[in-house]
Protein backbone atom coordinates (compact mmCIF):
# COMPACT_ATOMS: atom_id res chain seq x y z
CA MET A 1 19.08 -27.36 -12.96
CA SER A 2 15.64 -28.02 -13.99
CA GLY A 3 13.00 -25.69 -14.76
CA SER A 4 13.01 -22.01 -15.55
CA LEU A 5 16.17 -19.96 -14.55
CA TRP A 6 14.97 -17.07 -16.09
CA LEU A 7 14.94 -14.29 -13.25
CA ARG A 8 11.61 -12.64 -12.76
CA ASN A 9 11.14 -8.83 -12.40
CA GLY A 10 9.92 -7.14 -9.13
CA THR A 11 6.41 -6.95 -8.04
CA MET A 12 6.25 -3.43 -9.06
CA ARG A 13 7.37 -1.34 -12.15
CA ASP A 14 9.09 2.01 -12.00
CA THR A 15 7.19 4.24 -14.52
CA LEU A 16 8.50 7.67 -16.03
CA PRO A 17 6.16 10.45 -15.32
CA TYR A 18 4.57 12.63 -18.13
CA VAL A 19 6.76 15.59 -19.34
CA PRO A 20 4.39 18.24 -20.49
CA ARG A 21 5.51 20.42 -23.25
CA PRO A 22 4.27 23.99 -24.20
CA ARG A 23 1.87 24.19 -26.96
CA PRO A 24 2.19 26.33 -29.94
CA GLY A 25 0.50 29.78 -29.27
CA GLY A 26 0.13 28.86 -25.58
CA ARG A 27 -2.71 27.02 -26.30
CA PRO A 28 -3.50 24.90 -23.24
CA ALA A 29 -3.46 21.04 -23.20
CA GLY A 30 -6.54 19.46 -24.14
CA THR A 31 -7.90 22.40 -25.97
CA PRO A 32 -9.13 21.47 -29.75
CA ARG A 33 -7.00 23.17 -32.26
CA PRO A 34 -9.08 25.63 -34.35
CA LEU A 35 -10.05 24.74 -38.04
CA PRO A 36 -7.75 25.85 -40.59
CA HIS A 37 -10.66 27.99 -42.34
CA ALA A 38 -11.68 29.42 -39.17
CA ARG A 39 -10.67 33.26 -38.67
CA ARG A 40 -10.14 34.90 -35.44
CA PRO A 41 -12.46 38.17 -35.42
CA ALA A 42 -10.32 41.29 -35.42
CA PRO A 43 -10.55 43.13 -31.85
CA GLU A 44 -13.25 46.01 -31.97
CA ALA A 45 -11.61 49.33 -31.96
CA PRO A 46 -13.06 51.67 -29.07
CA PRO A 47 -15.67 54.10 -29.67
CA GLY A 48 -14.77 56.95 -32.32
CA ALA A 49 -11.51 55.06 -33.44
CA ASP A 50 -12.92 54.58 -36.96
CA ARG A 51 -14.54 58.13 -36.97
CA ASP A 52 -11.45 60.42 -36.29
CA PRO A 53 -12.33 63.44 -38.02
CA ALA A 54 -8.58 64.06 -38.53
CA PRO A 55 -6.50 61.19 -38.43
CA ALA A 56 -2.86 62.02 -37.66
CA PRO A 57 -0.59 61.52 -40.76
CA TYR A 58 2.35 59.09 -40.75
CA GLY A 59 5.49 60.94 -40.39
CA ARG A 60 9.11 60.80 -41.26
CA GLY A 61 10.48 60.46 -37.59
CA ASP A 62 11.15 64.34 -37.43
CA GLY A 63 7.72 65.61 -36.62
CA SER A 64 7.27 66.68 -40.23
CA PRO A 65 4.34 65.67 -41.75
CA GLY A 66 4.08 62.59 -44.26
CA ARG A 67 1.90 61.47 -47.11
CA ARG A 68 -1.44 60.88 -45.93
CA LEU A 69 -3.04 57.46 -46.42
CA PRO A 70 -6.61 56.72 -47.84
CA ALA A 71 -9.28 56.94 -45.34
CA GLY A 72 -9.80 53.19 -45.09
CA ARG A 73 -6.35 52.31 -44.76
CA GLU A 74 -5.93 54.80 -42.23
CA ALA A 75 -8.84 53.02 -40.47
CA ALA A 76 -7.27 49.55 -40.68
CA THR A 77 -3.86 51.02 -39.53
CA THR A 78 -5.69 52.49 -36.48
CA ARG A 79 -7.32 49.30 -35.54
CA CYS A 80 -3.99 47.31 -36.04
CA ALA A 81 -2.07 49.55 -33.75
CA TRP A 82 -4.63 49.42 -31.26
CA ALA A 83 -5.23 45.49 -31.16
CA HIS A 84 -1.06 45.29 -30.81
CA GLY A 85 -0.64 48.01 -28.05
CA ALA A 86 1.22 50.68 -29.85
CA PRO A 87 1.98 53.61 -27.81
CA GLY A 88 -0.33 55.99 -27.17
CA ARG A 89 -3.25 53.83 -27.85
CA PRO A 90 -5.50 52.20 -25.51
CA GLY A 91 -5.04 48.31 -24.51
CA PRO A 92 -7.85 45.75 -24.76
CA HIS A 93 -8.75 46.70 -21.10
CA GLY A 94 -8.70 50.46 -21.64
CA THR A 95 -5.03 50.52 -20.32
CA ALA A 96 -2.39 52.36 -22.24
CA ARG A 97 0.53 49.95 -23.33
CA THR A 98 3.95 51.16 -23.81
CA SER A 99 5.78 48.28 -25.18
CA THR A 100 5.22 44.60 -26.39
CA ALA A 101 5.49 42.08 -23.44
CA VAL A 102 8.30 39.82 -23.35
CA ALA A 103 7.53 36.17 -23.50
CA PRO A 104 8.80 33.52 -20.69
CA ASP A 105 11.25 31.44 -21.14
CA PRO A 106 10.01 27.73 -21.71
CA LEU A 107 13.04 26.33 -19.94
CA ASP A 108 11.81 27.84 -16.84
CA GLU A 109 8.49 26.19 -16.82
CA LEU A 110 10.19 22.91 -17.95
CA ALA A 111 12.60 23.17 -14.87
CA GLU A 112 9.69 23.85 -12.80
CA ARG A 113 7.68 20.79 -14.01
CA LEU A 114 10.43 18.44 -13.65
CA ASP A 115 11.78 19.69 -10.41
CA ALA A 116 11.06 16.56 -8.58
CA LEU A 117 12.89 14.31 -10.98
CA THR A 118 15.88 16.57 -11.37
CA ALA A 119 16.30 17.15 -7.76
CA VAL A 120 17.36 13.59 -7.14
CA ALA A 121 19.00 12.63 -10.41
CA VAL A 122 22.60 11.64 -9.65
CA HIS A 123 23.74 12.56 -13.44
CA PRO A 124 22.36 14.41 -16.23
CA ASP A 125 22.23 11.27 -18.49
CA GLU A 126 19.10 10.38 -16.22
CA ILE A 127 17.33 13.51 -17.12
CA ALA A 128 17.99 13.08 -20.81
CA ALA A 129 16.69 9.51 -20.51
CA ILE A 130 13.36 10.95 -19.17
CA LEU A 131 13.31 13.55 -22.13
CA GLU A 132 13.79 10.99 -24.78
CA SER A 133 11.56 8.48 -23.27
CA ASP A 134 8.77 11.14 -23.41
CA GLY A 135 9.60 11.63 -27.08
CA MET A 136 11.31 14.90 -27.33
CA THR A 137 13.28 14.95 -30.34
CA ASP A 138 16.57 17.24 -30.88
CA ASP A 139 14.51 19.31 -33.53
CA HIS A 140 11.73 19.70 -30.93
CA ILE A 141 14.50 20.85 -28.15
CA ARG A 142 16.26 23.27 -30.89
CA LEU A 143 13.10 24.92 -31.77
CA THR A 144 11.41 25.15 -28.30
CA TYR A 145 14.15 25.42 -25.85
CA GLY A 146 17.24 26.54 -28.15
CA ARG A 147 19.55 23.92 -27.12
CA ALA A 148 21.47 21.55 -29.35
CA ASP A 149 20.15 18.13 -28.27
CA SER A 150 18.52 16.17 -25.29
CA PHE A 151 21.91 16.10 -23.41
CA ALA A 152 22.41 19.68 -23.58
CA LEU A 153 19.07 20.41 -22.24
CA ALA A 154 19.59 17.83 -19.58
CA GLU A 155 22.87 19.50 -18.37
CA ASP A 156 21.01 22.79 -18.14
CA LEU A 157 18.11 21.35 -16.16
CA TYR A 158 20.52 19.61 -13.92
CA ALA A 159 22.54 22.66 -13.35
CA ARG A 160 19.51 24.48 -12.44
CA ALA A 161 17.92 22.12 -9.82
CA GLU A 162 19.30 21.67 -6.26
CA ARG A 163 20.08 18.37 -5.14
CA ARG A 164 17.32 16.89 -2.75
CA HIS A 165 17.68 13.38 -1.82
CA PRO A 166 15.23 11.57 0.32
CA ALA A 167 16.61 10.13 3.72
CA PRO A 168 17.58 6.62 3.45
CA GLU A 169 15.16 3.77 4.47
CA ALA A 170 15.27 2.60 8.11
CA ALA A 171 17.19 -0.65 8.42
CA GLY A 172 14.95 -3.76 8.02
CA ALA A 173 12.36 -1.69 5.79
CA SER A 174 11.59 -3.14 2.47
CA GLY A 175 13.89 -2.45 -0.23
CA GLY A 176 11.06 -1.88 -2.68
CA PRO A 177 9.93 -4.12 -5.49
CA TRP A 178 13.26 -5.87 -6.16
CA HIS A 179 13.57 -6.91 -2.15
CA GLY A 180 13.24 -10.46 -2.60
CA GLU A 181 12.13 -13.00 0.09
CA LEU A 182 14.99 -15.18 1.00
CA ALA A 183 12.67 -18.15 1.81
CA GLY A 184 11.01 -17.99 -1.65
CA CYS A 185 14.57 -17.78 -3.47
CA LEU A 186 16.01 -20.79 -1.20
CA LEU A 187 12.76 -22.77 -2.22
CA ARG A 188 13.32 -22.20 -6.02
CA GLY A 189 16.88 -23.46 -5.37
CA LEU A 190 15.81 -26.52 -3.41
CA LEU A 191 13.14 -27.25 -6.43
CA PHE A 192 16.34 -26.84 -9.00
CA ALA A 193 18.06 -29.75 -6.97
CA LEU A 194 15.70 -32.19 -5.82
CA PRO A 195 15.41 -33.73 -9.19
CA GLY A 196 18.85 -34.97 -8.46
CA LEU A 197 17.40 -37.86 -6.34
CA ALA A 198 15.71 -39.12 -9.28
CA TYR A 199 19.38 -39.90 -10.80
CA VAL A 200 20.08 -41.92 -7.76
CA LEU A 201 16.86 -44.05 -7.93
CA GLY A 202 17.27 -44.40 -11.78
CA ALA A 203 21.04 -45.59 -11.40
CA PRO A 204 20.53 -49.25 -12.39
CA LEU A 205 18.58 -48.03 -15.36
CA LEU A 206 21.73 -46.04 -16.78
CA ALA A 207 24.28 -48.85 -15.77
CA GLY A 208 26.20 -50.42 -18.68
CA PRO A 209 29.69 -50.43 -20.06
CA ARG A 210 31.56 -46.93 -20.58
CA GLY A 211 31.42 -45.24 -24.05
CA THR A 212 33.89 -43.52 -26.02
CA HIS A 213 33.42 -40.41 -24.06
CA GLY A 214 34.40 -42.44 -20.77
CA LEU A 215 30.91 -42.43 -19.54
CA PRO A 216 28.30 -45.19 -19.19
CA ALA A 217 26.49 -45.71 -22.34
CA GLY A 218 22.97 -44.72 -20.56
CA THR A 219 24.15 -41.17 -19.68
CA VAL A 220 24.95 -40.04 -22.87
CA PRO A 221 21.34 -39.96 -24.21
CA LEU A 222 20.28 -38.65 -20.79
CA LEU A 223 22.63 -35.56 -21.11
CA ALA A 224 21.57 -34.62 -24.69
CA GLY A 225 17.92 -34.63 -23.84
CA ALA A 226 18.78 -32.42 -20.58
CA VAL A 227 20.54 -29.82 -22.79
CA VAL A 228 17.86 -29.88 -25.56
CA GLY A 229 15.39 -29.15 -22.28
CA TRP A 230 17.51 -26.63 -20.94
CA VAL A 231 17.45 -24.74 -24.20
CA TRP A 232 13.96 -25.00 -25.21
CA ASN A 233 12.65 -24.29 -21.70
CA GLN A 234 14.38 -21.01 -21.26
CA THR A 235 13.29 -19.77 -24.54
CA MET A 236 9.53 -20.77 -23.66
CA SER A 237 10.07 -19.37 -20.19
CA HIS A 238 11.05 -15.94 -21.48
CA ARG A 239 8.15 -15.99 -24.03
CA ALA A 240 5.62 -16.64 -21.35
CA TYR A 241 7.20 -14.06 -18.98
CA SER A 242 7.09 -11.60 -21.64
CA TRP A 243 3.30 -12.24 -22.31
CA LEU A 244 2.92 -11.86 -18.32
CA GLY A 245 4.72 -8.66 -18.54
CA LEU A 246 2.09 -7.29 -21.14
CA GLY A 247 -0.83 -8.34 -18.62
CA ASP A 248 -1.93 -10.98 -20.85
CA ARG A 249 -1.78 -14.22 -18.92
CA ARG A 250 -4.08 -16.01 -21.12
CA ALA A 251 -1.36 -15.89 -24.01
CA ALA A 252 1.30 -17.09 -21.38
CA VAL A 253 -0.88 -20.07 -20.52
CA ARG A 254 -1.23 -20.77 -24.22
CA ALA A 255 2.31 -20.24 -24.94
CA LEU A 256 3.34 -22.74 -22.23
CA ALA A 257 0.52 -25.17 -23.36
CA VAL A 258 1.97 -25.38 -26.88
CA GLY A 259 5.58 -25.25 -26.03
CA ALA A 260 5.84 -27.55 -23.10
CA PRO A 261 4.87 -30.70 -25.04
CA ALA A 262 6.70 -29.86 -27.94
CA GLY A 263 9.77 -29.62 -25.58
CA ALA A 264 9.15 -32.92 -24.17
CA LEU A 265 8.77 -34.43 -27.55
CA ALA A 266 12.10 -32.75 -28.79
CA GLY A 267 14.05 -34.20 -25.71
CA THR A 268 12.76 -37.41 -26.21
CA VAL A 269 13.71 -37.38 -29.99
CA VAL A 270 17.22 -35.88 -29.20
CA ALA A 271 17.78 -38.66 -26.57
CA LEU A 272 16.77 -41.76 -28.97
CA ALA A 273 19.07 -40.19 -31.59
CA ALA A 274 22.11 -39.93 -28.95
CA ALA A 275 21.17 -43.61 -27.91
CA LEU A 276 21.25 -44.83 -31.48
CA ALA A 277 24.51 -42.83 -32.40
CA THR A 278 26.45 -44.06 -29.34
CA GLY A 279 25.99 -47.79 -29.49
CA PRO A 280 23.82 -50.37 -27.88
CA VAL A 281 21.76 -48.72 -25.03
CA GLY A 282 18.80 -50.27 -23.38
CA LEU A 283 15.10 -49.50 -23.45
CA PRO A 284 15.14 -48.35 -19.96
CA ALA A 285 17.65 -45.77 -20.35
CA VAL A 286 15.90 -44.09 -23.19
CA THR A 287 12.60 -44.36 -21.39
CA PHE A 288 14.29 -42.86 -18.44
CA ALA A 289 15.34 -39.90 -20.93
CA ALA A 290 12.14 -39.46 -22.06
CA GLY A 291 10.54 -39.01 -18.79
CA GLN A 292 13.45 -36.39 -17.86
CA SER A 293 12.15 -34.40 -20.93
CA LEU A 294 8.64 -34.55 -19.79
CA TYR A 295 9.51 -33.60 -16.25
CA LEU A 296 11.53 -30.72 -17.43
CA ALA A 297 8.62 -29.38 -19.64
CA ALA A 298 6.07 -29.60 -16.54
CA ALA A 299 8.35 -28.28 -14.01
CA THR A 300 9.14 -25.01 -16.53
CA VAL A 301 4.91 -24.58 -16.67
CA LEU A 302 4.83 -24.83 -12.75
CA LEU A 303 7.59 -22.43 -11.95
CA VAL A 304 6.62 -19.66 -14.38
CA LEU A 305 3.01 -19.68 -13.10
CA GLY A 306 4.24 -19.51 -9.53
CA ARG A 307 3.20 -22.97 -8.33
CA GLU A 308 6.51 -23.71 -6.52
CA ARG A 309 4.54 -25.28 -3.67
CA ALA A 310 2.83 -27.58 -5.98
CA LEU A 311 5.95 -28.89 -7.87
CA LEU A 312 7.54 -29.35 -4.03
CA GLY A 313 4.72 -31.62 -3.28
CA ALA A 314 5.24 -33.68 -6.58
CA LEU A 315 8.80 -34.09 -5.66
CA VAL A 316 7.87 -35.52 -2.36
CA PRO A 317 8.20 -39.36 -3.63
CA LEU A 318 11.83 -38.69 -4.68
CA ALA A 319 12.73 -38.48 -0.95
CA GLY A 320 12.67 -42.30 -0.92
CA ALA A 321 15.92 -42.27 -2.82
CA VAL A 322 17.68 -41.28 0.58
CA PRO A 323 18.07 -44.83 1.63
CA ALA A 324 19.44 -45.76 -1.76
CA PHE A 325 22.64 -44.15 -0.85
CA HIS A 326 23.53 -47.17 1.42
CA HIS A 327 21.13 -49.86 0.55
CA ASP A 328 20.16 -51.55 -2.75
CA LEU A 329 16.33 -50.90 -3.02
CA PRO A 330 14.21 -53.15 -5.08
CA HIS A 331 13.75 -52.24 -8.79
CA PRO A 332 9.93 -52.21 -8.56
CA LEU A 333 10.23 -49.92 -5.95
CA ARG A 334 12.70 -47.29 -7.65
CA THR A 335 10.54 -47.50 -10.72
CA GLY A 336 7.17 -46.75 -8.61
CA LEU A 337 8.91 -43.61 -6.86
CA LEU A 338 10.05 -42.14 -10.32
CA LEU A 339 6.79 -42.68 -11.94
CA ALA A 340 4.73 -41.37 -8.77
CA SER A 341 6.95 -38.11 -9.10
CA LEU A 342 6.63 -37.73 -12.80
CA ALA A 343 2.71 -38.58 -12.76
CA ALA A 344 2.30 -36.03 -9.96
CA THR A 345 4.22 -33.35 -11.63
CA THR A 346 2.43 -33.73 -14.73
CA ALA A 347 -0.88 -33.55 -13.29
CA CYS A 348 -0.04 -30.25 -11.46
CA ALA A 349 1.30 -28.77 -14.82
CA ALA A 350 -2.01 -29.70 -16.30
CA SER A 351 -4.26 -28.39 -13.60
CA ALA A 352 -2.29 -25.05 -13.82
CA LEU A 353 -2.72 -24.87 -17.32
CA GLY A 354 -6.34 -25.72 -17.44
CA PRO A 355 -8.32 -22.62 -16.12
CA GLY A 356 -6.32 -20.40 -18.49
CA LEU A 357 -6.96 -22.30 -21.59
CA ARG A 358 -10.87 -22.42 -20.69
CA GLY A 359 -11.22 -18.94 -20.53
CA GLY A 360 -12.75 -16.45 -18.21
CA PRO A 361 -11.32 -13.40 -16.46
CA GLU A 362 -7.36 -13.61 -15.96
CA ARG A 363 -6.32 -13.29 -12.67
CA GLY A 364 -2.64 -11.99 -11.48
CA THR A 365 -0.53 -13.21 -8.47
CA ALA A 366 -2.73 -10.95 -6.00
CA GLY A 367 -6.00 -11.99 -7.34
CA ALA A 368 -6.78 -8.65 -9.24
CA ALA A 369 -8.22 -8.68 -12.61
CA ARG A 370 -5.94 -7.98 -15.43
CA PRO A 371 -6.84 -6.62 -19.01
CA ALA A 372 -6.36 -9.03 -21.72
CA ARG A 373 -3.83 -6.90 -23.58
CA THR A 374 -2.11 -3.42 -22.52
CA ALA A 375 -1.10 -0.64 -24.84
CA ARG A 376 2.71 -1.49 -24.11
CA SER A 377 2.90 -4.32 -26.65
CA PRO A 378 6.04 -4.15 -28.56
CA ARG A 379 4.48 -4.61 -31.90
CA PRO A 380 1.19 -3.57 -33.11
CA GLY A 381 -0.13 -6.94 -33.25
CA GLY A 382 0.45 -7.37 -29.65
CA ALA A 383 2.67 -10.41 -29.72
CA PRO A 384 6.43 -10.36 -28.38
CA PRO A 385 8.73 -10.85 -31.02
CA LEU A 386 10.06 -14.39 -31.29
CA ALA A 387 13.70 -13.29 -31.80
CA ALA A 388 13.61 -11.85 -28.53
CA SER A 389 13.41 -15.16 -26.81
CA LEU A 390 16.56 -16.68 -28.65
CA PRO A 391 19.36 -15.12 -26.53
CA TYR A 392 17.75 -16.56 -23.43
CA GLY A 393 17.70 -20.26 -25.10
CA LEU A 394 21.47 -19.82 -26.02
CA PHE A 395 22.18 -18.74 -22.57
CA GLY A 396 20.59 -21.49 -21.21
CA LEU A 397 22.70 -23.88 -23.48
CA GLY A 398 25.85 -22.16 -22.44
CA THR A 399 25.08 -22.23 -18.51
CA GLY A 400 23.79 -25.99 -18.99
CA LEU A 401 26.83 -27.24 -20.97
CA LEU A 402 28.99 -25.52 -18.06
CA VAL A 403 27.22 -27.39 -15.37
CA LEU A 404 27.71 -30.52 -17.35
CA TYR A 405 31.20 -30.04 -17.64
CA THR A 406 31.76 -29.99 -13.93
CA ALA A 407 29.53 -33.19 -13.66
CA VAL A 408 31.54 -34.86 -16.06
CA GLY A 409 34.75 -33.89 -14.13
CA ASP A 410 33.55 -35.53 -10.98
CA VAL A 411 32.63 -38.66 -12.89
CA LEU A 412 35.94 -39.09 -14.58
CA ALA A 413 37.66 -38.18 -11.09
CA ALA A 414 35.73 -40.77 -9.07
CA GLY A 415 34.85 -43.62 -11.50
CA PRO A 416 31.50 -45.27 -11.94
CA ALA A 417 30.56 -44.74 -8.38
CA ALA A 418 30.00 -41.08 -9.20
CA ALA A 419 28.60 -41.45 -12.23
CA VAL A 420 25.10 -41.14 -11.33
CA ALA A 421 25.16 -37.79 -9.73
CA ALA A 422 28.17 -35.50 -9.08
CA PRO A 423 28.47 -33.36 -5.92
CA SER A 424 29.77 -30.43 -7.80
CA ALA A 425 26.94 -30.24 -10.03
CA VAL A 426 24.32 -30.57 -7.10
CA ALA A 427 25.99 -27.67 -5.28
CA LEU A 428 25.67 -25.54 -8.34
CA THR A 429 21.98 -26.18 -8.83
CA LEU A 430 21.41 -26.00 -5.24
CA SER A 431 23.16 -22.47 -5.11
CA MET A 432 20.56 -21.29 -7.52
CA GLY A 433 18.50 -20.16 -4.52
CA PRO A 434 20.98 -17.99 -2.67
CA ALA A 435 22.04 -16.61 -6.35
CA GLU A 436 18.48 -15.42 -7.12
CA TRP A 437 18.23 -13.74 -3.92
CA LEU A 438 21.64 -11.99 -3.99
CA LEU A 439 20.61 -10.66 -7.69
CA HIS A 440 17.53 -9.29 -5.77
CA ARG A 441 19.78 -7.82 -3.37
CA PHE A 442 21.99 -6.02 -5.55
CA ARG A 443 19.10 -4.49 -7.35
CA SER A 444 17.62 -3.33 -4.39
CA GLU A 445 20.83 -1.69 -3.29
CA SER A 446 21.26 -0.28 -6.45
CA LEU A 447 17.97 1.72 -6.49
CA ALA A 448 18.69 2.95 -2.80
CA GLY A 449 21.86 4.24 -4.14
CA LEU A 450 20.17 6.41 -6.51
CA ARG A 451 17.66 7.95 -3.73
CA THR A 452 20.60 8.48 -1.52
CA LEU A 453 23.86 9.21 -3.42
CA THR A 454 24.46 12.66 -4.91
CA SER A 455 27.28 12.10 -7.61
CA ALA A 456 27.84 9.64 -10.23
CA HIS A 457 31.32 8.86 -9.02
CA ALA A 458 29.90 8.04 -5.53
CA PHE A 459 27.21 5.74 -7.13
CA ALA A 460 29.84 4.17 -9.48
CA ARG A 461 32.18 3.47 -6.20
CA ALA A 462 29.21 2.24 -4.19
CA THR A 463 27.88 -0.20 -7.05
CA THR A 464 31.37 -1.53 -7.57
CA GLY A 465 31.55 -2.55 -3.79
CA THR A 466 28.09 -4.03 -3.78
CA LEU A 467 28.82 -6.00 -6.81
CA ALA A 468 31.92 -7.53 -5.32
CA LEU A 469 30.26 -7.98 -1.89
CA CYS A 470 27.08 -10.05 -3.73
CA LEU A 471 29.53 -12.16 -5.80
CA GLY A 472 31.74 -12.94 -2.94
CA ALA A 473 28.77 -13.99 -0.84
CA TYR A 474 27.47 -16.40 -3.67
CA LEU A 475 30.99 -18.16 -4.04
CA ALA A 476 31.03 -18.66 -0.49
CA CYS A 477 27.88 -20.14 -0.34
CA LEU A 478 28.74 -22.66 -3.42
CA LEU A 479 32.11 -23.37 -1.65
CA ALA A 480 30.08 -24.25 1.31
CA LEU A 481 27.54 -26.50 -0.58
CA ALA A 482 30.33 -28.11 -2.33
CA SER A 483 32.08 -29.00 0.68
CA VAL A 484 29.19 -30.26 2.44
CA GLY A 485 28.09 -32.63 -0.53
CA THR A 486 31.69 -33.90 -0.86
CA LEU A 487 31.51 -34.99 2.78
CA LEU A 488 27.88 -36.57 2.60
CA TRP A 489 28.19 -38.06 -0.81
CA PRO A 490 29.21 -41.68 -1.03
CA ASP A 491 32.47 -42.37 -2.87
CA ALA A 492 33.01 -38.56 -3.91
CA PRO A 493 36.23 -37.45 -5.25
CA ARG A 494 37.91 -35.17 -2.73
CA LEU A 495 37.58 -31.39 -3.02
CA THR A 496 41.15 -30.60 -4.30
CA GLY A 497 42.28 -27.58 -6.09
CA LEU A 498 41.81 -29.32 -9.48
CA ARG A 499 38.12 -29.44 -8.56
CA LEU A 500 37.54 -26.40 -6.66
CA VAL A 501 39.05 -23.96 -9.16
CA PRO A 502 36.81 -24.97 -12.07
CA LEU A 503 33.78 -25.20 -9.73
CA LEU A 504 34.37 -21.49 -8.49
CA LEU A 505 34.94 -19.96 -11.99
CA VAL A 506 31.78 -21.60 -13.32
CA GLY A 507 29.99 -20.26 -10.45
CA VAL A 508 31.38 -16.86 -11.38
CA VAL A 509 30.23 -17.27 -14.99
CA LEU A 510 27.02 -18.48 -13.99
CA TRP A 511 26.03 -15.48 -11.53
CA LEU A 512 27.33 -12.72 -13.35
CA GLY A 513 25.65 -14.09 -16.55
CA LEU A 514 22.32 -14.36 -14.57
CA LEU A 515 23.08 -10.59 -13.49
CA LEU A 516 23.58 -9.42 -16.90
CA GLN A 517 20.63 -11.27 -18.06
CA ALA A 518 18.34 -9.41 -15.38
CA PHE A 519 19.59 -6.05 -16.63
CA GLY A 520 18.77 -6.87 -20.20
CA ALA A 521 22.39 -7.63 -21.58
CA VAL A 522 21.50 -11.09 -22.39
CA ARG A 523 22.94 -11.36 -25.76
CA GLY A 524 26.64 -10.54 -24.28
CA ALA A 525 26.14 -13.05 -21.72
CA ALA A 526 24.79 -15.86 -23.79
CA VAL A 527 27.84 -15.19 -26.33
CA VAL A 528 30.41 -15.42 -23.75
CA CYS A 529 28.84 -18.47 -21.99
CA VAL A 530 28.30 -20.29 -25.37
CA LEU A 531 31.90 -19.72 -26.54
CA ALA A 532 33.34 -20.92 -23.00
CA ALA A 533 31.16 -24.04 -22.99
CA ALA A 534 32.60 -24.84 -26.80
CA ALA A 535 36.15 -24.33 -25.87
CA GLN A 536 35.40 -26.90 -23.09
CA ILE A 537 34.21 -29.43 -25.52
CA LEU A 538 36.75 -28.93 -28.11
CA ALA A 539 39.65 -29.02 -25.66
CA PRO A 540 38.65 -30.46 -22.35
CA SER A 541 42.12 -29.85 -20.84
CA ALA A 542 41.74 -26.18 -21.39
CA GLY A 543 38.50 -26.14 -19.54
CA PRO A 544 39.48 -24.06 -16.59
CA ALA A 545 41.16 -21.47 -18.74
CA ALA A 546 38.18 -21.05 -20.79
CA ALA A 547 35.85 -20.71 -17.77
CA GLY A 548 38.24 -18.15 -16.23
CA GLY A 549 38.45 -15.99 -19.56
CA ALA A 550 34.78 -16.24 -19.60
CA ALA A 551 34.54 -15.06 -16.06
CA VAL A 552 37.02 -12.05 -16.87
CA VAL A 553 34.86 -11.10 -19.73
CA LEU A 554 31.80 -10.95 -18.01
CA THR A 555 33.25 -9.26 -14.63
CA VAL A 556 34.41 -6.31 -16.92
CA LEU A 557 30.96 -6.20 -18.89
CA ALA A 558 29.20 -5.82 -15.67
CA ARG A 559 31.32 -3.23 -14.13
CA VAL A 560 31.02 -1.20 -17.14
CA LEU A 561 27.18 -1.57 -17.58
CA LEU A 562 26.14 -1.28 -14.21
CA VAL A 563 27.94 1.65 -12.76
CA ARG A 564 25.93 3.89 -14.96
CA PRO A 565 23.00 5.22 -13.01
CA THR A 566 20.83 5.04 -16.18
CA ALA A 567 20.99 1.25 -16.43
CA HIS A 568 18.99 0.98 -13.08
CA ARG A 569 16.42 3.06 -14.41
CA SER A 570 14.04 0.57 -15.68
């Protein structure tokens, strides 16, 4: 599981339309507000209004005359009565007014303007989310529309609109921005698994007596460096993707240019410390661990910047490991293939970072020029907060330890023959390709449900079915990959229930964790995965129970979150 496992967003973004709101005094939008000291001129009275020789006195209501006002006040009162359309007085255009006009209900105007949105909503909460995202506060809603809050206003708007959902798209049509291509997802899954051939080539470098954990001494620093690389690279990937989401590709390149060398150095230092702590470990094993850290950093750069094909070309020399399954290759040949692949990956990463560091107009994936920074920055300075990337690193830590647990289980079950690479871990890394495609498929089906379903209950039922179908399809792919790997891998342990049940449970945790991460609930997924991994480390015999508990918790979280229509409006 090398490189970035962070799920990228679709090619398009759903945007919320502008919700116009009435202006005080009926002033049209865009009209400048008059200055405080400016007075509106009083309407001019009709000819003869001020020169009435016998102004009518104010009466008492029964026709009897009342006290006559002074001449100046009578004139002012006459002009005020004419300006406000008093009965018996001419209006501004020469027509008599008999009563004051009633102002229209602002809710009618808002319902008309939001008709296109309310007609396709499946729950009032969707309308409330739109109102709140536009900045409508409860005070504004109470003063303007006479409703208690945004939810009450949304319920009124939902009741006024007639449901008009568009017809479902034809079979085979594009599923929208979240319709991922299967070939691209499978390529990424292959890129996650191909580095496993490097462990086959480096097997003689890792050989040695078993340590206190039952593993060869050379594998301990290797595993320590891998865990550090997964945590660091997941955090760095999220930060780079955040910059890309803000439209600042140059800042994303700078983040990768600084973070990748630092991650490679951190992995090397941790691997060296683990080697010194576990006993006598040869220099070849530490060198191999350092090369692994460098590869993880370079591969992350290529995956984040969309250079999957370049990474695939750099991994071609590892194909020389296929004969090593049945034949003993010379040590110079093994070392040469490893160095060739590592040098090609590092050179491709440096080439991908070069244009962004030298400056010039930044280009997106489609070749269109992008602005240096957009107005959607989460902070005034424009930089995404560092704290937002930490949960993704914790998620990488938890999932990485769970995968290592399955690999260690294969090693302990089969002995030294399976100490280099375990078929269960290879199956999990290969399954990341189908897992990513199924994640996109779930998102596409949920968005289609928002367009076609007419009630929140129907949407919840359809989403639950889609969730179960996608999870079942992923487990079927994982089972098939594990079965094929067990048959083809030399001296691999048999795929019995003791291996199959933990493998499938870890698969459930991985896929549901990635799903929650894609919907922004990464904190809950990270906490569950880290606790499950910690339980497996502290009590290895309770590993299946820990993975099973984590699978149940993540299933409940996914069910509660994803059946709400508002969770899919992003």
